[in-house]
Amino acid sequence: MTKTFISVIIPVRNEAAHIGQVLDALLRQRYPSELFEILVIDGCSTDNTRELVTAYQQRHAQVRLFGNPKRLSSAARNIGIDNFRGDIFLLIDGHCLIDNDNLFGVIDRAFQDETIDCLGRPQPLELRNANAIQLAIAAARRSPLGHHPDSFIYANKPCIAPAISIAVAYRRCVFERVGRFDETFDAAEDAEFNYRCDKAEQRCLFEPESAIRYVPRKTISGLFRQLVRYGRGRIKLTRKHPETFSLKSTLPAFFVAGVTIGIIPAMLSWIFCGLYLTVLLLYAAIILAETIRQAIQNRNWTFIFLLPVIFTTIYISSGTGLLAEVFFGRKRTE
């Protein structure tokens, strides 16, 4: 059985603190060294990311460094498309944890099935020596209340699944069929490309053994900024592909709008005030119940104090991003 040549694409910007451990983990893979390459696409880093990668490039023939003057992840991915030499295009973040030294073997095994066009992986938010906020964010995002209900990123059984939320590896022929990443997107460019894969009937395998661990944000403010971007990206996706609209995806926007606008009629009418308070109490009860469940399940009682704040941050930030893009985002002209 002939092994596939795997090209790893790593879009980065200011990842000096993490890129070394990512490259080390990839270079340790139990896979023939002549059958993989690592393309680091740097988006004008202002730290010493480039210098670190250059040092690896000088020691390891598999490592190649490219500049990304547009800085966007979508542009970095397209630079990867223009320059990768392999059979398989694999996306890896510059800020993740790779524990499996047979990751490439898992990917190769999956693509030995010629009916598979794309591969998806879980994206657990796990970190050794995490601070209390990171542990709580990881728990919240694993919770049914903390991520999109249709997403497979926290699933644990292999299956054929829609590419939209999970695909990270592609056969070369997929780009010939689907095209490139849309560089008008500065978030959700992966979901937009993967949605086109689904439309083109590209078959996607979800493979739990290909999981890598993502690092949760260290602060509530960092989580807020991240999810505002995701919210804006979701609306950009809907603008380009209106059929991707779903009520589930827009619930955070209704939450933010309801909390902020609803206070006005609540101040003018006892009936509306009662309704407003009832909805808030129902929200609080649901969050409290899930908080207690997570605290018991994880045996971490700091969650009692942190999870209500984090769940609320998830909804407010996602809703803010959705609404900001609806009212202030740049409309597509094509």
C-alpha atoms as a PDB file:
ATOM      1  CA  MET A   1       0.000   0.000   0.000  1.00  0.00           C
ATOM      2  CA  THR A   2       1.543   3.291  -1.130  1.00  0.00           C
ATOM      3  CA  LYS A   3       1.612   6.019   1.493  1.00  0.00           C
ATOM      4  CA  THR A   4       0.341   9.493   0.629  1.00  0.00           C
ATOM      5  CA  PHE A   5       2.509  12.608   0.574  1.00  0.00           C
ATOM      6  CA  ILE A   6       1.098  14.973   3.223  1.00  0.00           C
ATOM      7  CA  SER A   7       1.550  18.749   3.060  1.00  0.00           C
ATOM      8  CA  VAL A   8       0.945  20.510   6.377  1.00  0.00           C
ATOM      9  CA  ILE A   9      -0.150  24.154   6.079  1.00  0.00           C
ATOM     10  CA  ILE A  10       0.312  26.336   9.185  1.00  0.00           C
ATOM     11  CA  PRO A  11      -1.006  29.931   8.951  1.00  0.00           C
ATOM     12  CA  VAL A  12       0.641  31.977  11.721  1.00  0.00           C
ATOM     13  CA  ARG A  13       1.049  35.482  13.046  1.00  0.00           C
ATOM     14  CA  ASN A  14       2.964  36.224  16.254  1.00  0.00           C
ATOM     15  CA  GLU A  15       3.150  32.607  17.392  1.00  0.00           C
ATOM     16  CA  ALA A  16       6.743  32.657  18.689  1.00  0.00           C
ATOM     17  CA  ALA A  17       5.608  31.227  22.035  1.00  0.00           C
ATOM     18  CA  HIS A  18       4.024  28.146  20.430  1.00  0.00           C
ATOM     19  CA  ILE A  19       5.306  27.479  16.906  1.00  0.00           C
ATOM     20  CA  GLY A  20       8.378  25.592  18.154  1.00  0.00           C
ATOM     21  CA  GLN A  21       6.387  22.929  19.984  1.00  0.00           C
ATOM     22  CA  VAL A  22       4.034  22.540  17.015  1.00  0.00           C
ATOM     23  CA  LEU A  23       6.937  22.017  14.606  1.00  0.00           C
ATOM     24  CA  ASP A  24       8.655  19.632  17.022  1.00  0.00           C
ATOM     25  CA  ALA A  25       5.493  17.538  17.291  1.00  0.00           C
ATOM     26  CA  LEU A  26       5.141  17.383  13.498  1.00  0.00           C
ATOM     27  CA  LEU A  27       8.796  16.524  12.945  1.00  0.00           C
ATOM     28  CA  ARG A  28       8.504  13.694  15.503  1.00  0.00           C
ATOM     29  CA  GLN A  29       5.807  11.939  13.494  1.00  0.00           C
ATOM     30  CA  ARG A  30       6.372   8.244  12.818  1.00  0.00           C
ATOM     31  CA  TYR A  31       6.072   8.754   9.088  1.00  0.00           C
ATOM     32  CA  PRO A  32       8.660   8.709   6.304  1.00  0.00           C
ATOM     33  CA  SER A  33      10.425  12.080   6.323  1.00  0.00           C
ATOM     34  CA  GLU A  34      10.427  12.218   2.535  1.00  0.00           C
ATOM     35  CA  LEU A  35       6.616  11.921   2.481  1.00  0.00           C
ATOM     36  CA  PHE A  36       5.637  15.067   4.333  1.00  0.00           C
ATOM     37  CA  GLU A  37       6.376  18.772   4.208  1.00  0.00           C
ATOM     38  CA  ILE A  38       5.485  21.662   6.511  1.00  0.00           C
ATOM     39  CA  LEU A  39       4.573  25.020   4.994  1.00  0.00           C
ATOM     40  CA  VAL A  40       4.517  27.835   7.537  1.00  0.00           C
ATOM     41  CA  ILE A  41       2.692  30.886   6.152  1.00  0.00           C
ATOM     42  CA  ASP A  42       3.591  33.948   8.209  1.00  0.00           C
ATOM     43  CA  GLY A  43       1.239  36.940   8.275  1.00  0.00           C
ATOM     44  CA  CYS A  44       3.788  39.701   8.973  1.00  0.00           C
ATOM     45  CA  SER A  45       4.628  38.673  12.532  1.00  0.00           C
ATOM     46  CA  THR A  46       6.065  41.402  14.735  1.00  0.00           C
ATOM     47  CA  ASP A  47       7.650  38.956  17.184  1.00  0.00           C
ATOM     48  CA  ASN A  48      10.422  36.493  16.266  1.00  0.00           C
ATOM     49  CA  THR A  49       8.154  33.867  14.690  1.00  0.00           C
ATOM     50  CA  ARG A  50       9.928  34.151  11.327  1.00  0.00           C
ATOM     51  CA  GLU A  51      13.370  33.817  12.886  1.00  0.00           C
ATOM     52  CA  LEU A  52      12.335  30.701  14.785  1.00  0.00           C
ATOM     53  CA  VAL A  53      10.817  29.077  11.693  1.00  0.00           C
ATOM     54  CA  THR A  54      13.879  30.023   9.625  1.00  0.00           C
ATOM     55  CA  ALA A  55      16.068  28.198  12.136  1.00  0.00           C
ATOM     56  CA  TYR A  56      13.909  25.060  11.732  1.00  0.00           C
ATOM     57  CA  GLN A  57      14.038  25.470   7.958  1.00  0.00           C
ATOM     58  CA  GLN A  58      17.826  25.430   8.046  1.00  0.00           C
ATOM     59  CA  ARG A  59      17.876  22.184  10.056  1.00  0.00           C
ATOM     60  CA  HIS A  60      14.935  20.330   8.491  1.00  0.00           C
ATOM     61  CA  ALA A  61      14.387  20.009   4.754  1.00  0.00           C
ATOM     62  CA  GLN A  62      10.651  19.428   5.306  1.00  0.00           C
ATOM     63  CA  VAL A  63      10.059  22.958   6.647  1.00  0.00           C
ATOM     64  CA  ARG A  64       9.327  25.790   4.226  1.00  0.00           C
ATOM     65  CA  LEU A  65       8.513  29.406   5.111  1.00  0.00           C
ATOM     66  CA  PHE A  66       6.318  31.787   3.106  1.00  0.00           C
ATOM     67  CA  GLY A  67       5.206  35.365   3.694  1.00  0.00           C
ATOM     68  CA  ASN A  68       1.558  36.415   3.809  1.00  0.00           C
ATOM     69  CA  PRO A  69       1.347  40.188   3.286  1.00  0.00           C
ATOM     70  CA  LYS A  70      -2.467  40.147   3.491  1.00  0.00           C
ATOM     71  CA  ARG A  71      -2.217  38.636   7.012  1.00  0.00           C
ATOM     72  CA  LEU A  72      -5.583  36.885   6.687  1.00  0.00           C
ATOM     73  CA  SER A  73      -5.845  33.156   7.374  1.00  0.00           C
ATOM     74  CA  SER A  74      -7.837  32.772   4.150  1.00  0.00           C
ATOM     75  CA  ALA A  75      -4.953  34.288   2.178  1.00  0.00           C
ATOM     76  CA  ALA A  76      -2.458  32.055   3.999  1.00  0.00           C
ATOM     77  CA  ARG A  77      -4.431  28.977   3.010  1.00  0.00           C
ATOM     78  CA  ASN A  78      -4.404  30.070  -0.631  1.00  0.00           C
ATOM     79  CA  ILE A  79      -0.639  30.567  -0.498  1.00  0.00           C
ATOM     80  CA  GLY A  80      -0.524  26.992   0.758  1.00  0.00           C
ATOM     81  CA  ILE A  81      -2.674  25.854  -2.180  1.00  0.00           C
ATOM     82  CA  ASP A  82      -0.294  27.571  -4.591  1.00  0.00           C
ATOM     83  CA  ASN A  83       2.797  25.946  -3.130  1.00  0.00           C
ATOM     84  CA  PHE A  84       1.991  22.539  -1.632  1.00  0.00           C
ATOM     85  CA  ARG A  85       3.536  19.503  -3.317  1.00  0.00           C
ATOM     86  CA  GLY A  86       1.651  16.682  -1.616  1.00  0.00           C
ATOM     87  CA  ASP A  87      -1.367  14.534  -2.282  1.00  0.00           C
ATOM     88  CA  ILE A  88      -3.084  15.748   0.907  1.00  0.00           C
ATOM     89  CA  PHE A  89      -3.462  19.342   2.141  1.00  0.00           C
ATOM     90  CA  LEU A  90      -3.623  19.335   5.963  1.00  0.00           C
ATOM     91  CA  LEU A  91      -4.346  22.450   8.028  1.00  0.00           C
ATOM     92  CA  ILE A  92      -2.743  22.810  11.464  1.00  0.00           C
ATOM     93  CA  ASP A  93      -2.884  25.873  13.726  1.00  0.00           C
ATOM     94  CA  GLY A  94       0.297  27.471  14.987  1.00  0.00           C
ATOM     95  CA  HIS A  95      -1.123  27.400  18.512  1.00  0.00           C
ATOM     96  CA  CYS A  96      -2.202  23.843  19.301  1.00  0.00           C
ATOM     97  CA  LEU A  97      -1.059  20.671  21.062  1.00  0.00           C
ATOM     98  CA  ILE A  98      -0.310  17.504  19.094  1.00  0.00           C
ATOM     99  CA  ASP A  99       0.036  14.423  21.317  1.00  0.00           C
ATOM    100  CA  ASN A 100      -0.282  11.737  18.665  1.00  0.00           C
ATOM    101  CA  ASP A 101       3.023  10.872  16.989  1.00  0.00           C
ATOM    102  CA  ASN A 102       1.056   8.773  14.486  1.00  0.00           C
ATOM    103  CA  LEU A 103      -1.194  11.631  13.335  1.00  0.00           C
ATOM    104  CA  PHE A 104       0.099  11.423   9.766  1.00  0.00           C
ATOM    105  CA  GLY A 105      -0.429   7.658   9.829  1.00  0.00           C
ATOM    106  CA  VAL A 106      -4.079   8.157  10.813  1.00  0.00           C
ATOM    107  CA  ILE A 107      -4.554  10.665   7.999  1.00  0.00           C
ATOM    108  CA  ASP A 108      -2.832   8.408   5.476  1.00  0.00           C
ATOM    109  CA  ARG A 109      -5.014   5.464   6.532  1.00  0.00           C
ATOM    110  CA  ALA A 110      -8.185   7.524   6.126  1.00  0.00           C
ATOM    111  CA  PHE A 111      -7.274   8.646   2.618  1.00  0.00           C
ATOM    112  CA  GLN A 112      -6.420   5.111   1.496  1.00  0.00           C
ATOM    113  CA  ASP A 113     -10.187   4.911   1.005  1.00  0.00           C
ATOM    114  CA  GLU A 114     -10.462   6.510  -2.420  1.00  0.00           C
ATOM    115  CA  THR A 115     -14.077   7.536  -1.800  1.00  0.00           C
ATOM    116  CA  ILE A 116     -12.964   9.996   0.917  1.00  0.00           C
ATOM    117  CA  ASP A 117     -12.314  13.542  -0.306  1.00  0.00           C
ATOM    118  CA  CYS A 118     -12.007  15.423   3.006  1.00  0.00           C
ATOM    119  CA  LEU A 119     -11.124  14.564   6.575  1.00  0.00           C
ATOM    120  CA  GLY A 120     -12.557  16.182   9.712  1.00  0.00           C
ATOM    121  CA  ARG A 121     -11.224  16.064  13.254  1.00  0.00           C
ATOM    122  CA  PRO A 122     -12.438  16.861  16.766  1.00  0.00           C
ATOM    123  CA  GLN A 123     -11.175  20.117  18.255  1.00  0.00           C
ATOM    124  CA  PRO A 124     -11.066  19.607  22.024  1.00  0.00           C
ATOM    125  CA  LEU A 125     -10.060  22.608  24.106  1.00  0.00           C
ATOM    126  CA  GLU A 126      -7.706  20.913  26.539  1.00  0.00           C
ATOM    127  CA  LEU A 127      -4.506  22.120  28.147  1.00  0.00           C
ATOM    128  CA  ARG A 128      -2.182  20.804  30.810  1.00  0.00           C
ATOM    129  CA  ASN A 129      -1.422  23.381  33.512  1.00  0.00           C
ATOM    130  CA  ALA A 130      -4.426  25.444  32.394  1.00  0.00           C
ATOM    131  CA  ASN A 131      -5.575  28.335  34.548  1.00  0.00           C
ATOM    132  CA  ALA A 132      -9.058  28.326  36.096  1.00  0.00           C
ATOM    133  CA  ILE A 133     -10.565  30.411  33.291  1.00  0.00           C
ATOM    134  CA  GLN A 134      -9.161  28.134  30.590  1.00  0.00           C
ATOM    135  CA  LEU A 135     -10.554  25.047  32.322  1.00  0.00           C
ATOM    136  CA  ALA A 136     -13.966  26.697  32.586  1.00  0.00           C
ATOM    137  CA  ILE A 137     -13.908  27.849  28.941  1.00  0.00           C
ATOM    138  CA  ALA A 138     -13.039  24.312  27.816  1.00  0.00           C
ATOM    139  CA  ALA A 139     -15.927  22.898  29.848  1.00  0.00           C
ATOM    140  CA  ALA A 140     -18.356  25.525  28.555  1.00  0.00           C
ATOM    141  CA  ARG A 141     -17.415  24.970  24.931  1.00  0.00           C
ATOM    142  CA  ARG A 142     -17.843  21.180  25.317  1.00  0.00           C
ATOM    143  CA  SER A 143     -21.280  21.728  26.804  1.00  0.00           C
ATOM    144  CA  PRO A 144     -24.404  21.557  24.598  1.00  0.00           C
ATOM    145  CA  LEU A 145     -25.003  25.183  25.644  1.00  0.00           C
ATOM    146  CA  GLY A 146     -21.561  26.328  24.542  1.00  0.00           C
ATOM    147  CA  HIS A 147     -21.252  25.421  20.862  1.00  0.00           C
ATOM    148  CA  HIS A 148     -23.427  25.079  17.778  1.00  0.00           C
ATOM    149  CA  PRO A 149     -25.684  22.025  18.247  1.00  0.00           C
ATOM    150  CA  ASP A 150     -25.036  20.762  14.702  1.00  0.00           C
ATOM    151  CA  SER A 151     -21.240  20.799  15.068  1.00  0.00           C
ATOM    152  CA  PHE A 152     -19.259  17.552  15.231  1.00  0.00           C
ATOM    153  CA  ILE A 153     -16.106  19.089  16.734  1.00  0.00           C
ATOM    154  CA  TYR A 154     -16.707  17.460  20.130  1.00  0.00           C
ATOM    155  CA  ALA A 155     -17.965  14.115  18.807  1.00  0.00           C
ATOM    156  CA  ASN A 156     -15.990  10.934  19.436  1.00  0.00           C
ATOM    157  CA  LYS A 157     -17.165   8.336  16.897  1.00  0.00           C
ATOM    158  CA  PRO A 158     -15.982   8.024  13.290  1.00  0.00           C
ATOM    159  CA  CYS A 159     -18.652   8.702  10.687  1.00  0.00           C
ATOM    160  CA  ILE A 160     -19.359  10.325   7.358  1.00  0.00           C
ATOM    161  CA  ALA A 161     -20.417  13.886   8.216  1.00  0.00           C
ATOM    162  CA  PRO A 162     -20.956  17.295   6.603  1.00  0.00           C
ATOM    163  CA  ALA A 163     -17.623  19.020   6.025  1.00  0.00           C
ATOM    164  CA  ILE A 164     -18.856  22.477   7.023  1.00  0.00           C
ATOM    165  CA  SER A 165     -17.850  22.390  10.689  1.00  0.00           C
ATOM    166  CA  ILE A 166     -15.011  19.890  10.712  1.00  0.00           C
ATOM    167  CA  ALA A 167     -12.972  19.423   7.523  1.00  0.00           C
ATOM    168  CA  VAL A 168      -9.263  20.254   7.795  1.00  0.00           C
ATOM    169  CA  ALA A 169      -7.606  17.926   5.267  1.00  0.00           C
ATOM    170  CA  TYR A 170      -8.325  17.635   1.552  1.00  0.00           C
ATOM    171  CA  ARG A 171      -7.210  15.715  -1.479  1.00  0.00           C
ATOM    172  CA  ARG A 172      -5.534  17.884  -4.115  1.00  0.00           C
ATOM    173  CA  CYS A 173      -8.446  17.303  -6.480  1.00  0.00           C
ATOM    174  CA  VAL A 174     -10.851  19.024  -4.062  1.00  0.00           C
ATOM    175  CA  PHE A 175      -9.382  22.430  -4.937  1.00  0.00           C
ATOM    176  CA  GLU A 176      -9.847  21.694  -8.630  1.00  0.00           C
ATOM    177  CA  ARG A 177     -13.516  20.931  -7.970  1.00  0.00           C
ATOM    178  CA  VAL A 178     -14.338  23.535  -5.319  1.00  0.00           C
ATOM    179  CA  GLY A 179     -11.877  26.395  -5.863  1.00  0.00           C
ATOM    180  CA  ARG A 180      -9.911  28.380  -3.296  1.00  0.00           C
ATOM    181  CA  PHE A 181     -10.596  30.013   0.060  1.00  0.00           C
ATOM    182  CA  ASP A 182     -12.553  33.275  -0.125  1.00  0.00           C
ATOM    183  CA  GLU A 183     -10.195  36.094   0.894  1.00  0.00           C
ATOM    184  CA  THR A 184     -13.065  38.469   1.658  1.00  0.00           C
ATOM    185  CA  PHE A 185     -13.511  36.405   4.846  1.00  0.00           C
ATOM    186  CA  ASP A 186     -11.392  37.214   7.902  1.00  0.00           C
ATOM    187  CA  ALA A 187     -13.257  34.593   9.976  1.00  0.00           C
ATOM    188  CA  ALA A 188     -15.306  31.509   9.036  1.00  0.00           C
ATOM    189  CA  GLU A 189     -13.298  31.122   5.830  1.00  0.00           C
ATOM    190  CA  ASP A 190     -12.995  27.430   6.707  1.00  0.00           C
ATOM    191  CA  ALA A 191     -16.759  27.007   7.140  1.00  0.00           C
ATOM    192  CA  GLU A 192     -17.396  28.817   3.847  1.00  0.00           C
ATOM    193  CA  PHE A 193     -14.925  26.626   1.935  1.00  0.00           C
ATOM    194  CA  ASN A 194     -16.218  23.480   3.610  1.00  0.00           C
ATOM    195  CA  TYR A 195     -19.783  24.414   2.772  1.00  0.00           C
ATOM    196  CA  ARG A 196     -18.754  24.558  -0.889  1.00  0.00           C
ATOM    197  CA  CYS A 197     -17.234  21.095  -0.419  1.00  0.00           C
ATOM    198  CA  ASP A 198     -20.611  19.848   0.812  1.00  0.00           C
ATOM    199  CA  LYS A 199     -22.398  21.486  -2.125  1.00  0.00           C
ATOM    200  CA  ALA A 200     -19.949  19.797  -4.502  1.00  0.00           C
ATOM    201  CA  GLU A 201     -20.720  16.452  -2.798  1.00  0.00           C
ATOM    202  CA  GLN A 202     -17.202  15.947  -1.516  1.00  0.00           C
ATOM    203  CA  ARG A 203     -17.302  13.037   0.934  1.00  0.00           C
ATOM    204  CA  CYS A 204     -15.988  13.926   4.397  1.00  0.00           C
ATOM    205  CA  LEU A 205     -14.878  11.405   7.016  1.00  0.00           C
ATOM    206  CA  PHE A 206     -14.917  12.470  10.660  1.00  0.00           C
ATOM    207  CA  GLU A 207     -11.993  10.667  12.306  1.00  0.00           C
ATOM    208  CA  PRO A 208     -11.631  11.098  16.096  1.00  0.00           C
ATOM    209  CA  GLU A 209      -8.083   9.673  16.037  1.00  0.00           C
ATOM    210  CA  SER A 210      -6.934  12.724  14.061  1.00  0.00           C
ATOM    211  CA  ALA A 211      -7.772  15.068  16.964  1.00  0.00           C
ATOM    212  CA  ILE A 212      -5.385  17.773  18.085  1.00  0.00           C
ATOM    213  CA  ARG A 213      -5.914  19.889  21.181  1.00  0.00           C
ATOM    214  CA  TYR A 214      -6.653  23.590  20.935  1.00  0.00           C
ATOM    215  CA  VAL A 215      -5.641  26.056  23.624  1.00  0.00           C
ATOM    216  CA  PRO A 216      -8.540  27.969  25.242  1.00  0.00           C
ATOM    217  CA  ARG A 217      -8.286  31.729  25.601  1.00  0.00           C
ATOM    218  CA  LYS A 218      -6.620  32.776  28.844  1.00  0.00           C
ATOM    219  CA  THR A 219      -9.035  35.597  29.628  1.00  0.00           C
ATOM    220  CA  ILE A 220     -12.729  36.422  29.350  1.00  0.00           C
ATOM    221  CA  SER A 221     -11.859  39.417  27.152  1.00  0.00           C
ATOM    222  CA  GLY A 222      -9.894  37.154  24.795  1.00  0.00           C
ATOM    223  CA  LEU A 223     -12.869  34.802  24.528  1.00  0.00           C
ATOM    224  CA  PHE A 224     -15.155  37.764  23.856  1.00  0.00           C
ATOM    225  CA  ARG A 225     -13.006  39.049  20.969  1.00  0.00           C
ATOM    226  CA  GLN A 226     -12.697  35.563  19.478  1.00  0.00           C
ATOM    227  CA  LEU A 227     -16.443  34.932  19.421  1.00  0.00           C
ATOM    228  CA  VAL A 228     -17.287  38.395  18.094  1.00  0.00           C
ATOM    229  CA  ARG A 229     -15.146  37.495  15.066  1.00  0.00           C
ATOM    230  CA  TYR A 230     -16.883  34.136  14.747  1.00  0.00           C
ATOM    231  CA  GLY A 231     -20.282  35.824  14.914  1.00  0.00           C
ATOM    232  CA  ARG A 232     -19.353  38.259  12.174  1.00  0.00           C
ATOM    233  CA  GLY A 233     -18.013  35.394  10.072  1.00  0.00           C
ATOM    234  CA  ARG A 234     -21.291  33.525  10.426  1.00  0.00           C
ATOM    235  CA  ILE A 235     -23.235  36.445   8.943  1.00  0.00           C
ATOM    236  CA  LYS A 236     -20.725  36.767   6.089  1.00  0.00           C
ATOM    237  CA  LEU A 237     -21.316  33.085   5.369  1.00  0.00           C
ATOM    238  CA  THR A 238     -25.086  33.639   5.303  1.00  0.00           C
ATOM    239  CA  ARG A 239     -24.718  36.646   2.991  1.00  0.00           C
ATOM    240  CA  LYS A 240     -22.753  34.590   0.486  1.00  0.00           C
ATOM    241  CA  HIS A 241     -24.820  31.427   0.946  1.00  0.00           C
ATOM    242  CA  PRO A 242     -28.314  32.426   2.182  1.00  0.00           C
ATOM    243  CA  GLU A 243     -29.342  28.778   2.384  1.00  0.00           C
ATOM    244  CA  THR A 244     -26.948  28.328   5.352  1.00  0.00           C
ATOM    245  CA  PHE A 245     -29.183  30.516   7.531  1.00  0.00           C
ATOM    246  CA  SER A 246     -30.540  28.738  10.583  1.00  0.00           C
ATOM    247  CA  LEU A 247     -32.407  29.953  13.619  1.00  0.00           C
ATOM    248  CA  LYS A 248     -30.007  28.017  15.857  1.00  0.00           C
ATOM    249  CA  SER A 249     -27.075  30.086  14.594  1.00  0.00           C
ATOM    250  CA  THR A 250     -28.818  33.390  15.215  1.00  0.00           C
ATOM    251  CA  LEU A 251     -30.156  32.697  18.722  1.00  0.00           C
ATOM    252  CA  PRO A 252     -27.299  34.667  20.369  1.00  0.00           C
ATOM    253  CA  ALA A 253     -28.316  37.723  18.328  1.00  0.00           C
ATOM    254  CA  PHE A 254     -31.907  37.428  19.538  1.00  0.00           C
ATOM    255  CA  PHE A 255     -30.589  37.056  23.091  1.00  0.00           C
ATOM    256  CA  VAL A 256     -28.515  40.254  22.886  1.00  0.00           C
ATOM    257  CA  ALA A 257     -31.265  42.190  21.124  1.00  0.00           C
ATOM    258  CA  GLY A 258     -33.896  40.959  23.564  1.00  0.00           C
ATOM    259  CA  VAL A 259     -31.870  41.844  26.658  1.00  0.00           C
ATOM    260  CA  THR A 260     -30.934  45.320  25.416  1.00  0.00           C
ATOM    261  CA  ILE A 261     -34.125  46.391  23.627  1.00  0.00           C
ATOM    262  CA  GLY A 262     -36.541  44.502  25.865  1.00  0.00           C
ATOM    263  CA  ILE A 263     -35.709  46.659  28.847  1.00  0.00           C
ATOM    264  CA  ILE A 264     -37.510  49.623  27.244  1.00  0.00           C
ATOM    265  CA  PRO A 265     -41.050  48.135  27.168  1.00  0.00           C
ATOM    266  CA  ALA A 266     -40.289  46.465  30.527  1.00  0.00           C
ATOM    267  CA  MET A 267     -39.872  49.957  32.034  1.00  0.00           C
ATOM    268  CA  LEU A 268     -43.155  51.124  30.532  1.00  0.00           C
ATOM    269  CA  SER A 269     -45.475  48.224  31.334  1.00  0.00           C
ATOM    270  CA  TRP A 270     -45.856  45.841  34.260  1.00  0.00           C
ATOM    271  CA  ILE A 271     -46.935  43.119  31.839  1.00  0.00           C
ATOM    272  CA  PHE A 272     -43.796  43.487  29.736  1.00  0.00           C
ATOM    273  CA  CYS A 273     -41.710  43.819  32.899  1.00  0.00           C
ATOM    274  CA  GLY A 274     -43.065  40.481  34.144  1.00  0.00           C
ATOM    275  CA  LEU A 275     -42.419  38.835  30.796  1.00  0.00           C
ATOM    276  CA  TYR A 276     -38.897  40.296  30.612  1.00  0.00           C
ATOM    277  CA  LEU A 277     -38.012  39.085  34.118  1.00  0.00           C
ATOM    278  CA  THR A 278     -39.532  35.655  33.439  1.00  0.00           C
ATOM    279  CA  VAL A 279     -37.327  35.176  30.389  1.00  0.00           C
ATOM    280  CA  LEU A 280     -34.227  36.291  32.307  1.00  0.00           C
ATOM    281  CA  LEU A 281     -35.050  33.955  35.186  1.00  0.00           C
ATOM    282  CA  LEU A 282     -35.575  31.066  32.761  1.00  0.00           C
ATOM    283  CA  TYR A 283     -32.182  31.810  31.172  1.00  0.00           C
ATOM    284  CA  ALA A 284     -30.555  31.958  34.618  1.00  0.00           C
ATOM    285  CA  ALA A 285     -32.158  28.654  35.644  1.00  0.00           C
ATOM    286  CA  ILE A 286     -30.896  26.868  32.517  1.00  0.00           C
ATOM    287  CA  ILE A 287     -27.377  28.255  32.985  1.00  0.00           C
ATOM    288  CA  LEU A 288     -27.363  27.387  36.676  1.00  0.00           C
ATOM    289  CA  ALA A 289     -28.490  23.815  36.022  1.00  0.00           C
ATOM    290  CA  GLU A 290     -25.763  23.286  33.409  1.00  0.00           C
ATOM    291  CA  THR A 291     -23.191  24.957  35.659  1.00  0.00           C
ATOM    292  CA  ILE A 292     -23.957  22.566  38.504  1.00  0.00           C
ATOM    293  CA  ARG A 293     -23.872  19.590  36.142  1.00  0.00           C
ATOM    294  CA  GLN A 294     -20.474  20.618  34.777  1.00  0.00           C
ATOM    295  CA  ALA A 295     -19.095  21.305  38.260  1.00  0.00           C
ATOM    296  CA  ILE A 296     -20.134  17.841  39.461  1.00  0.00           C
ATOM    297  CA  GLN A 297     -19.001  16.075  36.293  1.00  0.00           C
ATOM    298  CA  ASN A 298     -15.592  17.772  36.324  1.00  0.00           C
ATOM    299  CA  ARG A 299     -15.265  17.837  40.122  1.00  0.00           C
ATOM    300  CA  ASN A 300     -14.325  21.491  39.916  1.00  0.00           C
ATOM    301  CA  TRP A 301     -16.293  23.825  42.191  1.00  0.00           C
ATOM    302  CA  THR A 302     -14.714  26.995  40.802  1.00  0.00           C
ATOM    303  CA  PHE A 303     -17.055  26.373  37.849  1.00  0.00           C
ATOM    304  CA  ILE A 304     -19.959  27.510  40.044  1.00  0.00           C
ATOM    305  CA  PHE A 305     -18.545  31.037  39.903  1.00  0.00           C
ATOM    306  CA  LEU A 306     -16.930  31.015  36.456  1.00  0.00           C
ATOM    307  CA  LEU A 307     -19.307  29.161  34.151  1.00  0.00           C
ATOM    308  CA  PRO A 308     -22.268  31.581  34.425  1.00  0.00           C
ATOM    309  CA  VAL A 309     -19.920  34.392  33.393  1.00  0.00           C
ATOM    310  CA  ILE A 310     -18.429  32.358  30.559  1.00  0.00           C
ATOM    311  CA  PHE A 311     -21.760  31.124  29.183  1.00  0.00           C
ATOM    312  CA  THR A 312     -23.051  34.698  29.238  1.00  0.00           C
ATOM    313  CA  THR A 313     -19.885  35.897  27.511  1.00  0.00           C
ATOM    314  CA  ILE A 314     -20.342  33.269  24.792  1.00  0.00           C
ATOM    315  CA  TYR A 315     -23.895  34.417  24.054  1.00  0.00           C
ATOM    316  CA  ILE A 316     -23.214  38.150  24.290  1.00  0.00           C
ATOM    317  CA  SER A 317     -20.044  38.046  22.189  1.00  0.00           C
ATOM    318  CA  SER A 318     -21.529  35.773  19.515  1.00  0.00           C
ATOM    319  CA  GLY A 319     -24.698  37.861  19.414  1.00  0.00           C
ATOM    320  CA  THR A 320     -22.730  41.103  19.277  1.00  0.00           C
ATOM    321  CA  GLY A 321     -20.695  39.803  16.339  1.00  0.00           C
ATOM    322  CA  LEU A 322     -23.813  38.667  14.497  1.00  0.00           C
ATOM    323  CA  LEU A 323     -25.582  42.004  14.999  1.00  0.00           C
ATOM    324  CA  ALA A 324     -22.476  44.079  14.238  1.00  0.00           C
ATOM    325  CA  GLU A 325     -22.046  42.336  10.901  1.00  0.00           C
ATOM    326  CA  VAL A 326     -25.747  42.605  10.059  1.00  0.00           C
ATOM    327  CA  PHE A 327     -25.847  46.370  10.622  1.00  0.00           C
ATOM    328  CA  PHE A 328     -22.302  47.499   9.969  1.00  0.00           C
ATOM    329  CA  GLY A 329     -20.686  44.771   7.881  1.00  0.00           C
ATOM    330  CA  ARG A 330     -19.623  45.326   4.321  1.00  0.00           C
ATOM    331  CA  LYS A 331     -22.131  43.871   1.895  1.00  0.00           C
ATOM    332  CA  ARG A 332     -20.880  41.568  -0.844  1.00  0.00           C
ATOM    333  CA  THR A 333     -20.954  43.148  -4.296  1.00  0.00           C
ATOM    334  CA  GLU A 334     -20.439  40.081  -6.451  1.00  0.00           C
END
